[in-house]
Full PDB file with SEQRES, HELIX, SHEET, SSBOND, CRYST1, ORIGX, SCALE, CONECT and MASTER records, all heavy atoms in Angstrom:
SEQRES   1 A   45  GLY ARG PRO LYS GLY ALA LEU VAL THR HIS GLU GLN MET          
SEQRES   2 A   45  TYR GLN ARG PHE VAL SER GLN TRP VAL THR ILE GLY PHE          
SEQRES   3 A   45  ASN SER GLN ASP ARG PHE LEU GLY LEU THR PRO LEU PHE          
SEQRES   4 A   45  PHE GLY ALA GLY ARG SER                                      
HELIX    1 AA1 HIS A   10  THR A   23  1                                  14    
HELIX    2 AA2 GLY A   41  ARG A   44  1                                   4    
CRYST1    1.000    1.000    1.000  90.00  90.00  90.00 P 1           1          
ORIGX1      1.000000  0.000000  0.000000        0.00000                         
ORIGX2      0.000000  1.000000  0.000000        0.00000                         
ORIGX3      0.000000  0.000000  1.000000        0.00000                         
SCALE1      1.000000  0.000000  0.000000        0.00000                         
SCALE2      0.000000  1.000000  0.000000        0.00000                         
SCALE3      0.000000  0.000000  1.000000        0.00000                         
ATOM      1  N   GLY A   1      92.332  60.589  83.617  1.00  0.00           N  
ATOM      2  CA  GLY A   1      91.359  59.469  83.538  1.00  0.00           C  
ATOM      3  C   GLY A   1      90.085  59.933  82.955  1.00  0.00           C  
ATOM      4  O   GLY A   1      89.956  60.982  82.489  1.00  0.00           O  
ATOM      5  N   ARG A   2      89.058  59.073  83.099  1.00  0.00           N  
ATOM      6  CA  ARG A   2      87.793  59.339  82.372  1.00  0.00           C  
ATOM      7  C   ARG A   2      86.932  60.167  83.373  1.00  0.00           C  
ATOM      8  O   ARG A   2      86.918  59.920  84.547  1.00  0.00           O  
ATOM      9  CB  ARG A   2      87.091  58.065  82.031  1.00  0.00           C  
ATOM     10  CG  ARG A   2      87.904  57.062  81.093  1.00  0.00           C  
ATOM     11  CD  ARG A   2      87.243  55.842  80.839  1.00  0.00           C  
ATOM     12  NE  ARG A   2      85.991  55.944  80.177  1.00  0.00           N  
ATOM     13  CZ  ARG A   2      85.092  54.952  80.153  1.00  0.00           C  
ATOM     14  NH1 ARG A   2      85.274  53.816  80.743  1.00  0.00           N  
ATOM     15  NH2 ARG A   2      83.915  55.168  79.441  1.00  0.00           N  
ATOM     16  N   PRO A   3      86.176  61.146  82.825  1.00  0.00           N  
ATOM     17  CA  PRO A   3      85.441  62.029  83.677  1.00  0.00           C  
ATOM     18  C   PRO A   3      84.262  61.336  84.383  1.00  0.00           C  
ATOM     19  O   PRO A   3      83.667  60.358  83.872  1.00  0.00           O  
ATOM     20  CB  PRO A   3      84.982  63.079  82.731  1.00  0.00           C  
ATOM     21  CG  PRO A   3      84.937  62.435  81.446  1.00  0.00           C  
ATOM     22  CD  PRO A   3      86.029  61.481  81.411  1.00  0.00           C  
ATOM     23  N   LYS A   4      84.027  61.871  85.613  1.00  0.00           N  
ATOM     24  CA  LYS A   4      82.796  61.374  86.363  1.00  0.00           C  
ATOM     25  C   LYS A   4      82.383  62.512  87.271  1.00  0.00           C  
ATOM     26  O   LYS A   4      83.199  63.460  87.567  1.00  0.00           O  
ATOM     27  CB  LYS A   4      83.122  60.118  87.167  1.00  0.00           C  
ATOM     28  CG  LYS A   4      84.281  60.227  88.047  1.00  0.00           C  
ATOM     29  CD  LYS A   4      84.650  58.936  88.725  1.00  0.00           C  
ATOM     30  CE  LYS A   4      85.960  59.072  89.590  1.00  0.00           C  
ATOM     31  NZ  LYS A   4      86.340  57.794  90.223  1.00  0.00           N  
ATOM     32  N   GLY A   5      81.179  62.461  87.721  1.00  0.00           N  
ATOM     33  CA  GLY A   5      80.721  63.615  88.504  1.00  0.00           C  
ATOM     34  C   GLY A   5      79.444  63.346  89.363  1.00  0.00           C  
ATOM     35  O   GLY A   5      78.795  62.408  89.068  1.00  0.00           O  
ATOM     36  N   ALA A   6      79.301  64.264  90.314  1.00  0.00           N  
ATOM     37  CA  ALA A   6      78.136  64.226  91.230  1.00  0.00           C  
ATOM     38  C   ALA A   6      77.069  65.192  90.615  1.00  0.00           C  
ATOM     39  O   ALA A   6      77.386  66.295  90.207  1.00  0.00           O  
ATOM     40  CB  ALA A   6      78.451  64.555  92.557  1.00  0.00           C  
ATOM     41  N   LEU A   7      75.788  64.791  90.617  1.00  0.00           N  
ATOM     42  CA  LEU A   7      74.695  65.559  90.160  1.00  0.00           C  
ATOM     43  C   LEU A   7      74.114  66.266  91.376  1.00  0.00           C  
ATOM     44  O   LEU A   7      73.461  65.649  92.257  1.00  0.00           O  
ATOM     45  CB  LEU A   7      73.648  64.660  89.447  1.00  0.00           C  
ATOM     46  CG  LEU A   7      72.631  65.460  88.660  1.00  0.00           C  
ATOM     47  CD1 LEU A   7      73.243  66.196  87.575  1.00  0.00           C  
ATOM     48  CD2 LEU A   7      71.518  64.398  88.096  1.00  0.00           C  
ATOM     49  N   VAL A   8      74.371  67.565  91.443  1.00  0.00           N  
ATOM     50  CA  VAL A   8      74.038  68.435  92.587  1.00  0.00           C  
ATOM     51  C   VAL A   8      72.699  69.172  92.351  1.00  0.00           C  
ATOM     52  O   VAL A   8      72.554  69.816  91.305  1.00  0.00           O  
ATOM     53  CB  VAL A   8      75.094  69.363  93.003  1.00  0.00           C  
ATOM     54  CG1 VAL A   8      74.778  70.189  94.247  1.00  0.00           C  
ATOM     55  CG2 VAL A   8      76.385  68.657  93.278  1.00  0.00           C  
ATOM     56  N   THR A   9      71.721  69.085  93.199  1.00  0.00           N  
ATOM     57  CA  THR A   9      70.502  69.836  93.061  1.00  0.00           C  
ATOM     58  C   THR A   9      70.510  71.225  93.658  1.00  0.00           C  
ATOM     59  O   THR A   9      71.538  71.535  94.379  1.00  0.00           O  
ATOM     60  CB  THR A   9      69.328  69.060  93.701  1.00  0.00           C  
ATOM     61  OG1 THR A   9      69.458  69.135  95.193  1.00  0.00           O  
ATOM     62  CG2 THR A   9      69.220  67.605  93.292  1.00  0.00           C  
ATOM     63  N   HIS A  10      69.550  72.075  93.284  1.00  0.00           N  
ATOM     64  CA  HIS A  10      69.570  73.426  93.868  1.00  0.00           C  
ATOM     65  C   HIS A  10      69.378  73.296  95.347  1.00  0.00           C  
ATOM     66  O   HIS A  10      70.062  74.088  96.094  1.00  0.00           O  
ATOM     67  CB  HIS A  10      68.202  74.110  93.327  1.00  0.00           C  
ATOM     68  CG  HIS A  10      68.341  74.602  91.978  1.00  0.00           C  
ATOM     69  ND1 HIS A  10      68.339  75.844  91.602  1.00  0.00           N  
ATOM     70  CD2 HIS A  10      68.488  73.892  90.747  1.00  0.00           C  
ATOM     71  CE1 HIS A  10      68.448  75.961  90.285  1.00  0.00           C  
ATOM     72  NE2 HIS A  10      68.543  74.816  89.739  1.00  0.00           N  
ATOM     73  N   GLU A  11      68.581  72.391  95.873  1.00  0.00           N  
ATOM     74  CA  GLU A  11      68.369  72.259  97.374  1.00  0.00           C  
ATOM     75  C   GLU A  11      69.702  71.800  98.077  1.00  0.00           C  
ATOM     76  O   GLU A  11      70.104  72.417  99.096  1.00  0.00           O  
ATOM     77  CB  GLU A  11      67.271  71.258  97.664  1.00  0.00           C  
ATOM     78  CG  GLU A  11      67.065  70.965  99.105  1.00  0.00           C  
ATOM     79  CD  GLU A  11      66.559  72.190  99.909  1.00  0.00           C  
ATOM     80  OE1 GLU A  11      65.884  73.043  99.335  1.00  0.00           O  
ATOM     81  OE2 GLU A  11      66.807  72.190 101.120  1.00  0.00           O  
ATOM     82  N   GLN A  12      70.474  70.891  97.411  1.00  0.00           N  
ATOM     83  CA  GLN A  12      71.665  70.479  98.009  1.00  0.00           C  
ATOM     84  C   GLN A  12      72.701  71.562  98.019  1.00  0.00           C  
ATOM     85  O   GLN A  12      73.442  71.781  99.001  1.00  0.00           O  
ATOM     86  CB  GLN A  12      72.272  69.227  97.241  1.00  0.00           C  
ATOM     87  CG  GLN A  12      71.515  68.047  97.593  1.00  0.00           C  
ATOM     88  CD  GLN A  12      71.701  66.951  96.478  1.00  0.00           C  
ATOM     89  OE1 GLN A  12      72.239  67.155  95.474  1.00  0.00           O  
ATOM     90  NE2 GLN A  12      71.166  65.709  96.815  1.00  0.00           N  
ATOM     91  N   MET A  13      72.812  72.368  96.919  1.00  0.00           N  
ATOM     92  CA  MET A  13      73.769  73.514  96.865  1.00  0.00           C  
ATOM     93  C   MET A  13      73.312  74.480  97.900  1.00  0.00           C  
ATOM     94  O   MET A  13      74.228  75.066  98.585  1.00  0.00           O  
ATOM     95  CB  MET A  13      73.733  74.109  95.478  1.00  0.00           C  
ATOM     96  CG  MET A  13      74.781  75.130  95.365  1.00  0.00           C  
ATOM     97  SD  MET A  13      76.428  74.653  95.571  1.00  0.00           S  
ATOM     98  CE  MET A  13      76.854  73.988  93.961  1.00  0.00           C  
ATOM     99  N   TYR A  14      71.990  74.776  98.076  1.00  0.00           N  
ATOM    100  CA  TYR A  14      71.523  75.775  99.090  1.00  0.00           C  
ATOM    101  C   TYR A  14      71.996  75.302 100.459  1.00  0.00           C  
ATOM    102  O   TYR A  14      72.405  76.147 101.283  1.00  0.00           O  
ATOM    103  CB  TYR A  14      70.028  75.926  98.966  1.00  0.00           C  
ATOM    104  CG  TYR A  14      69.513  76.818 100.064  1.00  0.00           C  
ATOM    105  CD1 TYR A  14      69.669  78.179 100.013  1.00  0.00           C  
ATOM    106  CD2 TYR A  14      68.738  76.313 101.106  1.00  0.00           C  
ATOM    107  CE1 TYR A  14      69.227  78.995 101.035  1.00  0.00           C  
ATOM    108  CE2 TYR A  14      68.239  77.117 102.131  1.00  0.00           C  
ATOM    109  CZ  TYR A  14      68.429  78.423 102.033  1.00  0.00           C  
ATOM    110  OH  TYR A  14      67.945  79.181 103.071  1.00  0.00           O  
ATOM    111  N   GLN A  15      71.860  74.038 100.735  1.00  0.00           N  
ATOM    112  CA  GLN A  15      72.189  73.504 102.078  1.00  0.00           C  
ATOM    113  C   GLN A  15      73.731  73.681 102.246  1.00  0.00           C  
ATOM    114  O   GLN A  15      74.186  73.866 103.390  1.00  0.00           O  
ATOM    115  CB  GLN A  15      71.753  72.028 102.178  1.00  0.00           C  
ATOM    116  CG  GLN A  15      70.276  71.835 102.261  1.00  0.00           C  
ATOM    117  CD  GLN A  15      69.667  72.573 103.462  1.00  0.00           C  
ATOM    118  OE1 GLN A  15      70.338  72.813 104.441  1.00  0.00           O  
ATOM    119  NE2 GLN A  15      68.365  72.838 103.318  1.00  0.00           N  
ATOM    120  N   ARG A  16      74.534  73.567 101.228  1.00  0.00           N  
ATOM    121  CA  ARG A  16      76.004  73.777 101.388  1.00  0.00           C  
ATOM    122  C   ARG A  16      76.236  75.342 101.736  1.00  0.00           C  
ATOM    123  O   ARG A  16      77.024  75.557 102.524  1.00  0.00           O  
ATOM    124  CB  ARG A  16      76.695  73.482 100.109  1.00  0.00           C  
ATOM    125  CG  ARG A  16      76.603  72.030  99.762  1.00  0.00           C  
ATOM    126  CD  ARG A  16      77.380  71.759  98.421  1.00  0.00           C  
ATOM    127  NE  ARG A  16      77.125  70.329  97.990  1.00  0.00           N  
ATOM    128  CZ  ARG A  16      77.877  69.697  96.926  1.00  0.00           C  
ATOM    129  NH1 ARG A  16      78.845  70.436  96.407  1.00  0.00           N  
ATOM    130  NH2 ARG A  16      77.521  68.519  96.652  1.00  0.00           N  
ATOM    131  N   PHE A  17      75.463  76.189 101.157  1.00  0.00           N  
ATOM    132  CA  PHE A  17      75.590  77.588 101.463  1.00  0.00           C  
ATOM    133  C   PHE A  17      75.106  77.769 102.924  1.00  0.00           C  
ATOM    134  O   PHE A  17      75.923  78.546 103.660  1.00  0.00           O  
ATOM    135  CB  PHE A  17      74.570  78.457 100.582  1.00  0.00           C  
ATOM    136  CG  PHE A  17      74.929  78.406  99.089  1.00  0.00           C  
ATOM    137  CD1 PHE A  17      74.000  78.965  98.278  1.00  0.00           C  
ATOM    138  CD2 PHE A  17      76.090  77.892  98.588  1.00  0.00           C  
ATOM    139  CE1 PHE A  17      74.262  78.978  96.814  1.00  0.00           C  
ATOM    140  CE2 PHE A  17      76.378  77.942  97.311  1.00  0.00           C  
ATOM    141  CZ  PHE A  17      75.399  78.442  96.360  1.00  0.00           C  
ATOM    142  N   VAL A  18      73.996  77.299 103.310  1.00  0.00           N  
ATOM    143  CA  VAL A  18      73.727  77.363 104.745  1.00  0.00           C  
ATOM    144  C   VAL A  18      74.768  76.908 105.630  1.00  0.00           C  
ATOM    145  O   VAL A  18      75.043  77.493 106.761  1.00  0.00           O  
ATOM    146  CB  VAL A  18      72.357  76.632 104.983  1.00  0.00           C  
ATOM    147  CG1 VAL A  18      71.976  76.638 106.459  1.00  0.00           C  
ATOM    148  CG2 VAL A  18      71.146  77.279 104.158  1.00  0.00           C  
ATOM    149  N   SER A  19      75.404  75.722 105.326  1.00  0.00           N  
ATOM    150  CA  SER A  19      76.374  75.226 106.189  1.00  0.00           C  
ATOM    151  C   SER A  19      77.608  76.171 106.249  1.00  0.00           C  
ATOM    152  O   SER A  19      78.163  76.461 107.377  1.00  0.00           O  
ATOM    153  CB  SER A  19      76.944  73.911 105.577  1.00  0.00           C  
ATOM    154  OG  SER A  19      77.981  73.457 106.274  1.00  0.00           O  
ATOM    155  N   GLN A  20      77.993  76.921 105.182  1.00  0.00           N  
ATOM    156  CA  GLN A  20      79.069  77.809 105.228  1.00  0.00           C  
ATOM    157  C   GLN A  20      78.675  79.041 106.009  1.00  0.00           C  
ATOM    158  O   GLN A  20      79.383  79.655 106.815  1.00  0.00           O  
ATOM    159  CB  GLN A  20      79.393  78.266 103.764  1.00  0.00           C  
ATOM    160  CG  GLN A  20      79.956  77.211 102.972  1.00  0.00           C  
ATOM    161  CD  GLN A  20      80.100  77.609 101.485  1.00  0.00           C  
ATOM    162  OE1 GLN A  20      79.884  78.744 100.994  1.00  0.00           O  
ATOM    163  NE2 GLN A  20      80.515  76.607 100.678  1.00  0.00           N  
ATOM    164  N   TRP A  21      77.408  79.503 105.849  1.00  0.00           N  
ATOM    165  CA  TRP A  21      76.903  80.710 106.604  1.00  0.00           C  
ATOM    166  C   TRP A  21      76.901  80.436 108.177  1.00  0.00           C  
ATOM    167  O   TRP A  21      77.424  81.283 108.927  1.00  0.00           O  
ATOM    168  CB  TRP A  21      75.475  81.086 106.121  1.00  0.00           C  
ATOM    169  CG  TRP A  21      75.409  81.517 104.705  1.00  0.00           C  
ATOM    170  CD1 TRP A  21      76.423  81.884 103.894  1.00  0.00           C  
ATOM    171  CD2 TRP A  21      74.225  81.409 103.864  1.00  0.00           C  
ATOM    172  NE1 TRP A  21      75.913  82.069 102.603  1.00  0.00           N  
ATOM    173  CE2 TRP A  21      74.556  81.829 102.642  1.00  0.00           C  
ATOM    174  CE3 TRP A  21      72.844  81.097 104.164  1.00  0.00           C  
ATOM    175  CZ2 TRP A  21      73.694  81.867 101.482  1.00  0.00           C  
ATOM    176  CZ3 TRP A  21      71.986  81.218 103.117  1.00  0.00           C  
ATOM    177  CH2 TRP A  21      72.377  81.581 101.836  1.00  0.00           C  
ATOM    178  N   VAL A  22      76.432  79.254 108.553  1.00  0.00           N  
ATOM    179  CA  VAL A  22      76.374  78.866 109.911  1.00  0.00           C  
ATOM    180  C   VAL A  22      77.651  78.527 110.557  1.00  0.00           C  
ATOM    181  O   VAL A  22      78.024  79.070 111.547  1.00  0.00           O  
ATOM    182  CB  VAL A  22      75.340  77.709 110.224  1.00  0.00           C  
ATOM    183  CG1 VAL A  22      75.342  77.254 111.625  1.00  0.00           C  
ATOM    184  CG2 VAL A  22      73.928  78.147 109.771  1.00  0.00           C  
ATOM    185  N   THR A  23      78.526  77.791 109.831  1.00  0.00           N  
ATOM    186  CA  THR A  23      79.741  77.224 110.427  1.00  0.00           C  
ATOM    187  C   THR A  23      80.884  78.205 110.285  1.00  0.00           C  
ATOM    188  O   THR A  23      81.658  78.363 111.305  1.00  0.00           O  
ATOM    189  CB  THR A  23      80.082  75.902 109.739  1.00  0.00           C  
ATOM    190  OG1 THR A  23      79.050  75.033 109.679  1.00  0.00           O  
ATOM    191  CG2 THR A  23      81.252  75.219 110.499  1.00  0.00           C  
ATOM    192  N   ILE A  24      80.972  78.855 109.131  1.00  0.00           N  
ATOM    193  CA  ILE A  24      82.110  79.855 109.011  1.00  0.00           C  
ATOM    194  C   ILE A  24      81.639  81.289 109.351  1.00  0.00           C  
ATOM    195  O   ILE A  24      82.562  82.030 109.763  1.00  0.00           O  
ATOM    196  CB  ILE A  24      82.630  79.741 107.614  1.00  0.00           C  
ATOM    197  CG1 ILE A  24      82.963  78.285 107.227  1.00  0.00           C  
ATOM    198  CG2 ILE A  24      83.850  80.643 107.363  1.00  0.00           C  
ATOM    199  CD1 ILE A  24      83.395  78.023 105.834  1.00  0.00           C  
ATOM    200  N   GLY A  25      80.385  81.498 109.119  1.00  0.00           N  
ATOM    201  CA  GLY A  25      79.925  82.940 109.504  1.00  0.00           C  
ATOM    202  C   GLY A  25      79.934  83.878 108.358  1.00  0.00           C  
ATOM    203  O   GLY A  25      79.949  85.110 108.505  1.00  0.00           O  
ATOM    204  N   PHE A  26      79.812  83.426 107.098  1.00  0.00           N  
ATOM    205  CA  PHE A  26      79.607  84.355 105.982  1.00  0.00           C  
ATOM    206  C   PHE A  26      78.294  85.106 106.178  1.00  0.00           C  
ATOM    207  O   PHE A  26      77.303  84.527 106.655  1.00  0.00           O  
ATOM    208  CB  PHE A  26      79.576  83.572 104.597  1.00  0.00           C  
ATOM    209  CG  PHE A  26      80.838  82.791 104.333  1.00  0.00           C  
ATOM    210  CD1 PHE A  26      80.708  81.774 103.374  1.00  0.00           C  
ATOM    211  CD2 PHE A  26      81.965  83.139 104.805  1.00  0.00           C  
ATOM    212  CE1 PHE A  26      81.907  81.044 103.046  1.00  0.00           C  
ATOM    213  CE2 PHE A  26      83.147  82.365 104.552  1.00  0.00           C  
ATOM    214  CZ  PHE A  26      83.096  81.312 103.607  1.00  0.00           C  
ATOM    215  N   ASN A  27      78.362  86.421 105.673  1.00  0.00           N  
ATOM    216  CA  ASN A  27      77.042  87.090 105.769  1.00  0.00           C  
ATOM    217  C   ASN A  27      77.024  88.216 104.784  1.00  0.00           C  
ATOM    218  O   ASN A  27      77.955  88.405 103.971  1.00  0.00           O  
ATOM    219  CB  ASN A  27      76.879  87.711 107.150  1.00  0.00           C  
ATOM    220  CG  ASN A  27      77.962  88.717 107.549  1.00  0.00           C  
ATOM    221  OD1 ASN A  27      78.055  89.771 106.971  1.00  0.00           O  
ATOM    222  ND2 ASN A  27      78.884  88.299 108.475  1.00  0.00           N  
ATOM    223  N   SER A  28      75.856  89.013 104.727  1.00  0.00           N  
ATOM    224  CA  SER A  28      75.593  89.948 103.752  1.00  0.00           C  
ATOM    225  C   SER A  28      76.580  91.170 103.710  1.00  0.00           C  
ATOM    226  O   SER A  28      76.676  91.939 102.844  1.00  0.00           O  
ATOM    227  CB  SER A  28      74.250  90.486 103.783  1.00  0.00           C  
ATOM    228  OG  SER A  28      73.948  91.119 104.967  1.00  0.00           O  
ATOM    229  N   GLN A  29      77.298  91.370 104.836  1.00  0.00           N  
ATOM    230  CA  GLN A  29      78.245  92.506 104.943  1.00  0.00           C  
ATOM    231  C   GLN A  29      79.609  92.118 104.412  1.00  0.00           C  
ATOM    232  O   GLN A  29      80.457  93.056 104.415  1.00  0.00           O  
ATOM    233  CB  GLN A  29      78.301  92.953 106.471  1.00  0.00           C  
ATOM    234  CG  GLN A  29      76.926  93.269 107.086  1.00  0.00           C  
ATOM    235  CD  GLN A  29      76.258  94.302 106.267  1.00  0.00           C  
ATOM    236  OE1 GLN A  29      76.722  95.308 105.959  1.00  0.00           O  
ATOM    237  NE2 GLN A  29      74.935  94.045 105.949  1.00  0.00           N  
ATOM    238  N   ASP A  30      79.870  90.994 104.090  1.00  0.00           N  
ATOM    239  CA  ASP A  30      81.190  90.573 103.608  1.00  0.00           C  
ATOM    240  C   ASP A  30      81.440  91.084 102.240  1.00  0.00           C  
ATOM    241  O   ASP A  30      80.588  91.243 101.395  1.00  0.00           O  
ATOM    242  CB  ASP A  30      81.255  88.990 103.629  1.00  0.00           C  
ATOM    243  CG  ASP A  30      81.589  88.397 104.941  1.00  0.00           C  
ATOM    244  OD1 ASP A  30      82.352  89.030 105.722  1.00  0.00           O  
ATOM    245  OD2 ASP A  30      80.974  87.349 105.351  1.00  0.00           O  
ATOM    246  N   ARG A  31      82.798  91.162 101.998  1.00  0.00           N  
ATOM    247  CA  ARG A  31      83.329  91.373 100.623  1.00  0.00           C  
ATOM    248  C   ARG A  31      84.308  90.216 100.362  1.00  0.00           C  
ATOM    249  O   ARG A  31      85.363  90.165 100.957  1.00  0.00           O  
ATOM    250  CB  ARG A  31      84.049  92.774 100.590  1.00  0.00           C  
ATOM    251  CG  ARG A  31      83.117  93.916 100.622  1.00  0.00           C  
ATOM    252  CD  ARG A  31      83.889  95.259 100.715  1.00  0.00           C  
ATOM    253  NE  ARG A  31      84.858  95.386  99.606  1.00  0.00           N  
ATOM    254  CZ  ARG A  31      84.591  95.820  98.439  1.00  0.00           C  
ATOM    255  NH1 ARG A  31      83.274  96.126  98.139  1.00  0.00           N  
ATOM    256  NH2 ARG A  31      85.484  95.974  97.485  1.00  0.00           N  
ATOM    257  N   PHE A  32      83.813  89.397  99.501  1.00  0.00           N  
ATOM    258  CA  PHE A  32      84.656  88.128  99.228  1.00  0.00           C  
ATOM    259  C   PHE A  32      85.492  88.326  97.969  1.00  0.00           C  
ATOM    260  O   PHE A  32      84.964  88.648  96.933  1.00  0.00           O  
ATOM    261  CB  PHE A  32      83.760  86.975  99.047  1.00  0.00           C  
ATOM    262  CG  PHE A  32      84.521  85.698  98.545  1.00  0.00           C  
ATOM    263  CD1 PHE A  32      85.338  85.004  99.410  1.00  0.00           C  
ATOM    264  CD2 PHE A  32      84.332  85.266  97.194  1.00  0.00           C  
ATOM    265  CE1 PHE A  32      86.028  83.881  98.977  1.00  0.00           C  
ATOM    266  CE2 PHE A  32      85.030  84.140  96.769  1.00  0.00           C  
ATOM    267  CZ  PHE A  32      85.886  83.475  97.641  1.00  0.00           C  
ATOM    268  N   LEU A  33      86.736  88.103  98.089  1.00  0.00           N  
ATOM    269  CA  LEU A  33      87.683  88.196  96.916  1.00  0.00           C  
ATOM    270  C   LEU A  33      87.925  86.754  96.368  1.00  0.00           C  
ATOM    271  O   LEU A  33      88.531  85.983  97.011  1.00  0.00           O  
ATOM    272  CB  LEU A  33      89.044  88.862  97.398  1.00  0.00           C  
ATOM    273  CG  LEU A  33      90.038  88.953  96.336  1.00  0.00           C  
ATOM    274  CD1 LEU A  33      89.620  89.828  95.170  1.00  0.00           C  
ATOM    275  CD2 LEU A  33      91.345  89.585  96.877  1.00  0.00           C  
ATOM    276  N   GLY A  34      87.546  86.566  95.132  1.00  0.00           N  
ATOM    277  CA  GLY A  34      87.712  85.301  94.499  1.00  0.00           C  
ATOM    278  C   GLY A  34      89.024  85.241  93.747  1.00  0.00           C  
ATOM    279  O   GLY A  34      89.119  85.946  92.670  1.00  0.00           O  
ATOM    280  N   LEU A  35      89.995  84.474  94.138  1.00  0.00           N  
ATOM    281  CA  LEU A  35      91.280  84.441  93.524  1.00  0.00           C  
ATOM    282  C   LEU A  35      91.548  83.112  92.800  1.00  0.00           C  
ATOM    283  O   LEU A  35      92.627  82.885  92.323  1.00  0.00           O  
ATOM    284  CB  LEU A  35      92.365  84.706  94.564  1.00  0.00           C  
ATOM    285  CG  LEU A  35      92.398  86.034  95.280  1.00  0.00           C  
ATOM    286  CD1 LEU A  35      93.180  86.046  96.563  1.00  0.00           C  
ATOM    287  CD2 LEU A  35      92.902  87.129  94.328  1.00  0.00           C  
ATOM    288  N   THR A  36      90.581  82.266  92.844  1.00  0.00           N  
ATOM    289  CA  THR A  36      90.704  80.974  92.289  1.00  0.00           C  
ATOM    290  C   THR A  36      89.725  80.726  91.165  1.00  0.00           C  
ATOM    291  O   THR A  36      88.666  81.320  91.084  1.00  0.00           O  
ATOM    292  CB  THR A  36      90.584  79.867  93.354  1.00  0.00           C  
ATOM    293  OG1 THR A  36      89.310  80.019  93.977  1.00  0.00           O  
ATOM    294  CG2 THR A  36      91.617  79.852  94.321  1.00  0.00           C  
ATOM    295  N   PRO A  37      90.040  79.845  90.216  1.00  0.00           N  
ATOM    296  CA  PRO A  37      89.111  79.626  89.027  1.00  0.00           C  
ATOM    297  C   PRO A  37      87.688  79.246  89.398  1.00  0.00           C  
ATOM    298  O   PRO A  37      87.586  78.497  90.359  1.00  0.00           O  
ATOM    299  CB  PRO A  37      89.784  78.553  88.241  1.00  0.00           C  
ATOM    300  CG  PRO A  37      91.248  78.671  88.613  1.00  0.00           C  
ATOM    301  CD  PRO A  37      91.279  79.059  90.011  1.00  0.00           C  
ATOM    302  N   LEU A  38      86.737  79.781  88.706  1.00  0.00           N  
ATOM    303  CA  LEU A  38      85.327  79.360  88.893  1.00  0.00           C  
ATOM    304  C   LEU A  38      85.048  77.943  88.464  1.00  0.00           C  
ATOM    305  O   LEU A  38      84.031  77.364  88.885  1.00  0.00           O  
ATOM    306  CB  LEU A  38      84.412  80.266  88.114  1.00  0.00           C  
ATOM    307  CG  LEU A  38      84.303  81.753  88.668  1.00  0.00           C  
ATOM    308  CD1 LEU A  38      83.609  82.718  87.699  1.00  0.00           C  
ATOM    309  CD2 LEU A  38      83.735  81.868  90.088  1.00  0.00           C  
ATOM    310  N   PHE A  39      85.976  77.383  87.663  1.00  0.00           N  
ATOM    311  CA  PHE A  39      85.791  76.052  87.327  1.00  0.00           C  
ATOM    312  C   PHE A  39      85.884  75.081  88.493  1.00  0.00           C  
ATOM    313  O   PHE A  39      85.236  74.075  88.513  1.00  0.00           O  
ATOM    314  CB  PHE A  39      86.867  75.614  86.236  1.00  0.00           C  
ATOM    315  CG  PHE A  39      87.116  74.161  86.105  1.00  0.00           C  
ATOM    316  CD1 PHE A  39      86.126  73.364  85.473  1.00  0.00           C  
ATOM    317  CD2 PHE A  39      88.209  73.556  86.690  1.00  0.00           C  
ATOM    318  CE1 PHE A  39      86.370  72.014  85.364  1.00  0.00           C  
ATOM    319  CE2 PHE A  39      88.462  72.197  86.496  1.00  0.00           C  
ATOM    320  CZ  PHE A  39      87.580  71.467  85.876  1.00  0.00           C  
ATOM    321  N   PHE A  40      86.750  75.335  89.475  1.00  0.00           N  
ATOM    322  CA  PHE A  40      86.934  74.514  90.616  1.00  0.00           C  
ATOM    323  C   PHE A  40      85.842  74.755  91.719  1.00  0.00           C  
ATOM    324  O   PHE A  40      85.260  75.845  91.834  1.00  0.00           O  
ATOM    325  CB  PHE A  40      88.303  74.768  91.259  1.00  0.00           C  
ATOM    326  CG  PHE A  40      89.439  74.437  90.258  1.00  0.00           C  
ATOM    327  CD1 PHE A  40      90.233  75.356  89.602  1.00  0.00           C  
ATOM    328  CD2 PHE A  40      89.744  73.099  89.982  1.00  0.00           C  
ATOM    329  CE1 PHE A  40      91.240  75.106  88.795  1.00  0.00           C  
ATOM    330  CE2 PHE A  40      90.720  72.766  89.091  1.00  0.00           C  
ATOM    331  CZ  PHE A  40      91.469  73.765  88.472  1.00  0.00           C  
ATOM    332  N   GLY A  41      85.691  73.665  92.410  1.00  0.00           N  
ATOM    333  CA  GLY A  41      84.519  73.625  93.371  1.00  0.00           C  
ATOM    334  C   GLY A  41      84.542  74.762  94.336  1.00  0.00           C  
ATOM    335  O   GLY A  41      83.385  75.353  94.539  1.00  0.00           O  
ATOM    336  N   ALA A  42      85.693  75.071  94.918  1.00  0.00           N  
ATOM    337  CA  ALA A  42      85.709  76.202  95.958  1.00  0.00           C  
ATOM    338  C   ALA A  42      85.479  77.562  95.335  1.00  0.00           C  
ATOM    339  O   ALA A  42      84.655  78.308  95.853  1.00  0.00           O  
ATOM    340  CB  ALA A  42      87.101  76.074  96.681  1.00  0.00           C  
ATOM    341  N   GLY A  43      86.120  77.811  94.164  1.00  0.00           N  
ATOM    342  CA  GLY A  43      85.814  79.121  93.567  1.00  0.00           C  
ATOM    343  C   GLY A  43      84.442  79.285  93.110  1.00  0.00           C  
ATOM    344  O   GLY A  43      83.727  80.298  93.385  1.00  0.00           O  
ATOM    345  N   ARG A  44      83.766  78.289  92.612  1.00  0.00           N  
ATOM    346  CA  ARG A  44      82.394  78.372  92.123  1.00  0.00           C  
ATOM    347  C   ARG A  44      81.445  78.359  93.407  1.00  0.00           C  
ATOM    348  O   ARG A  44      80.537  79.232  93.435  1.00  0.00           O  
ATOM    349  CB  ARG A  44      82.057  77.086  91.292  1.00  0.00           C  
ATOM    350  CG  ARG A  44      80.627  76.979  90.907  1.00  0.00           C  
ATOM    351  CD  ARG A  44      80.422  75.755  90.034  1.00  0.00           C  
ATOM    352  NE  ARG A  44      80.735  74.479  90.687  1.00  0.00           N  
ATOM    353  CZ  ARG A  44      81.888  73.768  90.334  1.00  0.00           C  
ATOM    354  NH1 ARG A  44      82.606  74.129  89.464  1.00  0.00           N  
ATOM    355  NH2 ARG A  44      82.010  72.587  91.037  1.00  0.00           N  
ATOM    356  N   SER A  45      81.649  77.565  94.326  1.00  0.00           N  
ATOM    357  CA  SER A  45      80.793  77.429  95.463  1.00  0.00           C  
ATOM    358  C   SER A  45      80.825  78.756  96.301  1.00  0.00           C  
ATOM    359  O   SER A  45      79.726  79.274  96.688  1.00  0.00           O  
ATOM    360  CB  SER A  45      81.131  76.268  96.475  1.00  0.00           C  
ATOM    361  OG  SER A  45      80.362  76.206  97.568  1.00  0.00           O  
TER     362      SER A  45                                                      
MASTER        0    0    0    2    0    0    0    6  361    1    0    4          
END                                                                             
């Protein structure tokens, strides 16, 4: 189909990070292995 998308701001992306840090518990001691493409939302985020 025809492309469409959401315009995400720096503040909104930062708030998504905070949500992950608080809810899931990501922190500076982690070693995250990215196995999915950076094109996709999860890999990029």
